[in-house]
Amino acid sequence: MAMTQAQRAELFRDLHFGTHLLVLPNPWDAGSARLLAGLGFEALATTSAGLAFSLGHRDGVGEVSREQALANAAAIVQASGLPVTADLESGYGPTPEDCRRSIEEAARVGLVGASIEDASGDPLAPILPLEQSVERVRAAAEAARGLGFPFMLCARTENFMHGRADLDDTLRRLKAYAEAGADVLYAPGVTQRDQILALVRAVAPKPVNVLVGIPGIQMSLEGLFELGVRRVSLGSSLARVAYGAFYQAASELARRGSVQAVRQAMSFERLNDLFRS
C-alpha cells in the first residue's frame, strides 16, 4: 500500500537520525526517479541543474520557474512513491514571502522537504546579506511548521559554490539558519575533512548534508558518517553522467559516423523491464 504524505514525511524525518547514512540520489524526471526507487533508495532529492538541462536551460540563472520546478517534483513524487525533498534554489524570489510561498506550494505537490539557498543571482554580489537570508529561512521554517506534518527544511549557503571559500562566514550563516528554524544545514562545495567536521560541530545536533560526487572529496560515505554527517546528496552528478554518455555517443556518430558507443547502451529489453509496474 502506498504511503500517505504524512507517512512519507515521518519516514524522511526519521531517516536523518537513523543508524546509517541517508543517501539522496537526485533524479531529474519521472523515469530516473522510477529507476532509483527500483534500486532500493529510501528517499530522493530533486536537482535544479538536472531539470534545467532537461529543459534546455542553464542552471542558477533564473531560467526555470517555480511552477516548472514543482511540476517536475510532483512527477518524481508520483513516479517513485518515496519521500522526496526538492531543490527550490533561492525560493524563487528575494523576499521572505517568496520563500514562504515556495514551501507551502512544495507541500501541496507531495514533497516532504525542500532546500532554500542564499544565492542572489547577481554575479557581482552572489550571496544575499546575512540578515536578509535569515529572515527568508525563518519565513520558510514558519511555513513548514504550519503544515501539520514533519517537513524537513534544509538551509544552504552557497559561499563555496561561488568562490567564497570563507569558512568562518559559512559557519556563521549555517548557525544562524539553524537558529532561524532550519532542520538540515548544507554548504555545497565544502570538501575538506576538517571543514566538514567544523560544519557538523557548529550546528549539532541538527543534521548536515554534504554534496558528494564532486572533485575534492576524498572521504568515503562510511567515513563521512563516522565524522557525524547524516545525509549526502549528489546534485547534478547523475544527470551529468547520463548526459555525458549521451553526448559522447552522439558526438562519435556526428563526427566519425561511428555507432560504437551506441552499442554500449543498456538493452531495450532490460530498460523496458525496469519500468514494469
Protein backbone atom coordinates (compact mmCIF):
# COMPACT_ATOMS: atom_id res chain seq x y z
CA MET A 1 0.00 0.00 0.00
CA ALA A 2 1.30 3.43 -0.95
CA MET A 3 2.38 5.70 1.89
CA THR A 4 0.46 8.87 2.62
CA GLN A 5 2.30 12.18 2.52
CA ALA A 6 2.32 12.27 6.33
CA GLN A 7 3.83 8.78 6.46
CA ARG A 8 6.48 9.72 3.92
CA ALA A 9 7.23 12.84 5.94
CA GLU A 10 7.67 10.93 9.19
CA LEU A 11 9.88 8.37 7.49
CA PHE A 12 12.01 11.09 5.90
CA ARG A 13 12.48 12.85 9.23
CA ASP A 14 13.44 9.61 10.95
CA LEU A 15 15.98 8.72 8.24
CA HIS A 16 18.03 11.76 9.31
CA PHE A 17 18.54 10.26 12.76
CA GLY A 18 18.96 6.57 11.99
CA THR A 19 21.86 4.18 12.31
CA HIS A 20 23.11 4.68 8.76
CA LEU A 21 23.85 7.49 6.33
CA LEU A 22 20.89 8.83 4.36
CA VAL A 23 21.95 8.80 0.70
CA LEU A 24 19.81 11.00 -1.51
CA PRO A 25 20.33 10.43 -5.24
CA ASN A 26 18.94 13.16 -7.48
CA PRO A 27 16.59 12.19 -10.32
CA TRP A 28 15.75 14.81 -12.91
CA ASP A 29 12.49 13.32 -14.22
CA ALA A 30 9.91 10.62 -13.53
CA GLY A 31 11.86 7.94 -15.39
CA SER A 32 15.10 8.44 -13.49
CA ALA A 33 13.07 8.54 -10.26
CA ARG A 34 11.49 5.17 -11.05
CA LEU A 35 14.89 3.62 -11.70
CA LEU A 36 16.30 4.94 -8.43
CA ALA A 37 13.30 3.74 -6.45
CA GLY A 38 13.74 0.31 -8.01
CA LEU A 39 17.33 0.22 -6.80
CA GLY A 40 16.16 0.46 -3.21
CA PHE A 41 16.99 4.04 -2.26
CA GLU A 42 14.96 5.20 0.73
CA ALA A 43 14.34 8.79 -0.40
CA LEU A 44 15.13 11.14 -3.28
CA ALA A 45 16.08 14.76 -3.87
CA THR A 46 15.37 16.77 -6.98
CA THR A 47 18.11 18.62 -8.85
CA SER A 48 17.62 22.12 -10.20
CA ALA A 49 20.52 21.65 -12.62
CA GLY A 50 19.27 18.30 -13.89
CA LEU A 51 15.84 19.80 -14.52
CA ALA A 52 17.31 22.88 -16.20
CA PHE A 53 19.41 20.74 -18.52
CA SER A 54 16.39 18.59 -19.43
CA LEU A 55 14.51 21.75 -20.41
CA GLY A 56 17.42 23.08 -22.45
CA HIS A 57 18.32 25.80 -19.95
CA ARG A 58 21.29 26.79 -17.84
CA ASP A 59 21.11 26.32 -14.09
CA GLY A 60 21.25 29.05 -11.49
CA VAL A 61 20.28 31.98 -13.69
CA GLY A 62 16.52 32.04 -13.16
CA GLU A 63 15.53 30.31 -16.38
CA VAL A 64 13.36 27.70 -14.61
CA SER A 65 10.25 28.90 -12.81
CA ARG A 66 8.78 27.78 -9.51
CA GLU A 67 5.87 26.25 -11.43
CA GLN A 68 8.18 24.20 -13.64
CA ALA A 69 10.25 23.02 -10.67
CA LEU A 70 7.22 21.94 -8.67
CA ALA A 71 5.61 20.19 -11.64
CA ASN A 72 8.84 18.23 -12.06
CA ALA A 73 8.92 17.44 -8.34
CA ALA A 74 5.31 16.29 -8.39
CA ALA A 75 6.10 13.87 -11.23
CA ILE A 76 9.06 12.49 -9.25
CA VAL A 77 6.91 12.01 -6.13
CA GLN A 78 4.22 10.21 -8.11
CA ALA A 79 6.66 8.04 -10.06
CA SER A 80 8.73 6.92 -7.08
CA GLY A 81 6.30 6.75 -4.16
CA LEU A 82 9.24 7.70 -1.93
CA PRO A 83 9.86 10.65 0.37
CA VAL A 84 11.14 13.44 -1.89
CA THR A 85 12.83 16.71 -0.99
CA ALA A 86 13.16 19.47 -3.55
CA ASP A 87 15.88 21.87 -4.57
CA LEU A 88 13.95 25.15 -4.53
CA GLU A 89 17.03 27.20 -5.38
CA SER A 90 16.69 30.67 -3.79
CA GLY A 91 12.99 30.29 -3.11
CA TYR A 92 12.09 31.81 -6.50
CA GLY A 93 12.26 35.34 -5.20
CA PRO A 94 14.27 37.56 -2.85
CA THR A 95 11.72 38.10 -0.08
CA PRO A 96 10.69 36.03 2.94
CA GLU A 97 7.21 35.81 1.44
CA ASP A 98 8.66 34.23 -1.72
CA CYS A 99 10.27 31.52 0.41
CA ARG A 100 7.10 31.00 2.44
CA ARG A 101 5.07 30.54 -0.72
CA SER A 102 7.61 28.10 -2.17
CA ILE A 103 7.40 25.86 0.90
CA GLU A 104 3.61 25.93 1.01
CA GLU A 105 3.36 25.06 -2.68
CA ALA A 106 6.01 22.37 -2.32
CA ALA A 107 3.90 20.66 0.31
CA ARG A 108 0.84 20.84 -1.93
CA VAL A 109 2.54 18.74 -4.63
CA GLY A 110 3.51 15.99 -2.17
CA LEU A 111 7.02 16.96 -1.14
CA VAL A 112 8.20 16.30 2.42
CA GLY A 113 11.28 18.51 2.39
CA ALA A 114 12.97 21.29 0.48
CA SER A 115 16.11 23.39 0.43
CA ILE A 116 16.38 27.16 0.26
CA GLU A 117 19.73 28.74 -0.59
CA ASP A 118 21.19 32.20 -0.08
CA ALA A 119 22.43 32.85 -3.62
CA SER A 120 21.28 36.18 -5.05
CA GLY A 121 21.61 35.52 -8.77
CA ASP A 122 23.73 38.67 -9.06
CA PRO A 123 27.27 37.82 -10.26
CA LEU A 124 28.62 41.00 -8.65
CA ALA A 125 27.17 40.15 -5.24
CA PRO A 126 26.35 36.42 -5.44
CA ILE A 127 25.40 35.86 -1.79
CA LEU A 128 22.50 37.61 -0.09
CA PRO A 129 23.22 39.61 3.07
CA LEU A 130 23.07 37.53 6.23
CA GLU A 131 20.16 39.37 7.82
CA GLN A 132 18.03 39.03 4.70
CA SER A 133 18.96 35.37 4.39
CA VAL A 134 18.00 34.65 7.98
CA GLU A 135 14.59 36.27 7.54
CA ARG A 136 14.00 34.15 4.45
CA VAL A 137 14.88 30.95 6.31
CA ARG A 138 12.68 31.98 9.24
CA ALA A 139 9.70 32.52 6.94
CA ALA A 140 10.28 29.16 5.25
CA ALA A 141 10.55 27.44 8.63
CA GLU A 142 7.32 29.03 9.83
CA ALA A 143 5.57 27.80 6.71
CA ALA A 144 6.97 24.30 7.21
CA ARG A 145 5.82 24.19 10.85
CA GLY A 146 2.29 25.08 9.83
CA LEU A 147 1.83 22.12 7.51
CA GLY A 148 0.62 19.60 10.08
CA PHE A 149 3.32 17.02 9.30
CA PRO A 150 7.12 16.98 9.52
CA PHE A 151 8.69 18.90 6.65
CA MET A 152 12.49 18.87 6.61
CA LEU A 153 13.65 22.35 5.69
CA CYS A 154 17.26 22.45 4.52
CA ALA A 155 19.01 25.83 4.55
CA ARG A 156 22.11 26.08 2.39
CA THR A 157 24.79 28.68 1.97
CA GLU A 158 26.37 28.97 -1.45
CA ASN A 159 29.64 30.60 -0.39
CA PHE A 160 31.93 27.83 -1.63
CA MET A 161 29.93 27.36 -4.84
CA HIS A 162 30.60 30.99 -5.74
CA GLY A 163 34.30 31.09 -4.98
CA ARG A 164 33.88 32.48 -1.46
CA ALA A 165 35.86 29.88 0.49
CA ASP A 166 35.22 31.71 3.76
CA LEU A 167 34.70 29.01 6.36
CA ASP A 168 34.05 31.46 9.18
CA ASP A 169 31.23 33.17 7.29
CA THR A 170 29.87 29.79 6.20
CA LEU A 171 29.72 28.59 9.81
CA ARG A 172 28.18 31.89 10.90
CA ARG A 173 25.47 31.56 8.29
CA LEU A 174 24.66 27.93 8.99
CA LYS A 175 24.40 28.55 12.72
CA ALA A 176 22.08 31.49 12.09
CA TYR A 177 19.93 29.43 9.74
CA ALA A 178 19.71 26.64 12.32
CA GLU A 179 18.59 29.14 14.94
CA ALA A 180 16.02 30.51 12.48
CA GLY A 181 14.39 27.08 12.26
CA ALA A 182 16.14 25.09 9.53
CA ASP A 183 16.11 21.33 10.17
CA VAL A 184 19.12 20.45 7.98
CA LEU A 185 22.17 22.56 7.12
CA TYR A 186 24.13 22.41 3.90
CA ALA A 187 27.19 24.12 2.43
CA PRO A 188 27.74 22.58 -1.02
CA GLY A 189 31.32 22.77 -2.23
CA VAL A 190 32.90 22.15 1.15
CA THR A 191 35.16 19.15 0.60
CA GLN A 192 37.89 19.04 3.23
CA ARG A 193 37.62 16.77 6.24
CA ASP A 194 38.38 19.44 8.83
CA GLN A 195 35.91 21.84 7.24
CA ILE A 196 33.14 19.25 7.14
CA LEU A 197 33.81 18.40 10.78
CA ALA A 198 33.57 22.10 11.66
CA LEU A 199 30.16 22.26 9.95
CA VAL A 200 28.89 19.23 11.85
CA ARG A 201 30.05 20.60 15.19
CA ALA A 202 28.73 24.10 14.54
CA VAL A 203 25.10 23.09 14.11
CA ALA A 204 24.91 19.88 16.18
CA PRO A 205 22.60 18.16 16.93
CA LYS A 206 20.93 19.23 13.67
CA PRO A 207 21.97 17.09 10.69
CA VAL A 208 24.34 18.27 7.98
CA ASN A 209 24.04 17.42 4.28
CA VAL A 210 27.22 17.03 2.22
CA LEU A 211 27.44 17.17 -1.57
CA VAL A 212 29.32 14.13 -2.86
CA GLY A 213 30.34 13.04 -6.33
CA ILE A 214 32.34 16.22 -6.88
CA PRO A 215 36.12 16.73 -7.14
CA GLY A 216 37.93 17.26 -3.89
CA ILE A 217 36.09 14.97 -1.52
CA GLN A 218 38.41 12.11 -0.61
CA MET A 219 36.31 10.60 2.17
CA SER A 220 34.10 7.56 1.69
CA LEU A 221 30.42 7.60 2.56
CA GLU A 222 31.26 5.49 5.61
CA GLY A 223 33.93 7.99 6.61
CA LEU A 224 31.51 10.89 6.31
CA PHE A 225 29.00 9.12 8.54
CA GLU A 226 31.69 8.42 11.12
CA LEU A 227 32.52 12.13 11.03
CA GLY A 228 28.93 12.93 12.01
CA VAL A 229 27.41 13.68 8.60
CA ARG A 230 23.88 12.31 8.47
CA ARG A 231 22.87 12.97 4.86
CA VAL A 232 24.55 13.19 1.46
CA SER A 233 23.24 14.14 -1.97
CA LEU A 234 24.72 14.13 -5.46
CA GLY A 235 23.31 17.28 -7.01
CA SER A 236 23.50 17.12 -10.80
CA SER A 237 26.08 14.30 -10.86
CA LEU A 238 23.78 11.51 -12.04
CA ALA A 239 22.20 13.76 -14.66
CA ARG A 240 25.67 14.70 -15.90
CA VAL A 241 26.64 11.02 -16.07
CA ALA A 242 23.62 10.37 -18.29
CA TYR A 243 24.12 13.45 -20.44
CA GLY A 244 27.83 12.72 -20.70
CA ALA A 245 27.23 9.24 -22.09
CA PHE A 246 24.58 10.58 -24.46
CA TYR A 247 26.84 13.38 -25.68
CA GLN A 248 29.79 11.05 -26.20
CA ALA A 249 27.75 8.58 -28.25
CA ALA A 250 26.10 11.32 -30.28
CA SER A 251 29.44 13.05 -30.88
CA GLU A 252 31.02 9.89 -32.23
CA LEU A 253 28.05 9.41 -34.54
CA ALA A 254 28.14 13.02 -35.79
CA ARG A 255 31.90 13.41 -36.16
CA ARG A 256 33.08 9.97 -37.20
CA GLY A 257 29.98 8.14 -38.27
CA SER A 258 30.65 5.63 -35.51
CA VAL A 259 27.98 3.72 -33.58
CA GLN A 260 30.50 2.00 -31.31
CA ALA A 261 29.49 3.99 -28.22
CA VAL A 262 25.80 3.44 -29.01
CA ARG A 263 26.38 -0.31 -28.82
CA GLN A 264 27.32 0.11 -25.14
CA ALA A 265 23.80 1.21 -24.26
CA MET A 266 21.66 -0.76 -21.83
CA SER A 267 19.49 -3.14 -23.81
CA PHE A 268 15.97 -2.13 -24.72
CA GLU A 269 14.59 -5.25 -23.04
CA ARG A 270 16.35 -4.62 -19.76
CA LEU A 271 15.43 -0.94 -19.59
CA ASN A 272 11.86 -1.60 -20.64
CA ASP A 273 11.57 -4.28 -17.97
CA LEU A 274 12.81 -1.87 -15.28
CA PHE A 275 9.74 0.27 -15.92
CA ARG A 276 7.38 -2.65 -15.39
CA SER A 277 4.62 -1.63 -12.97
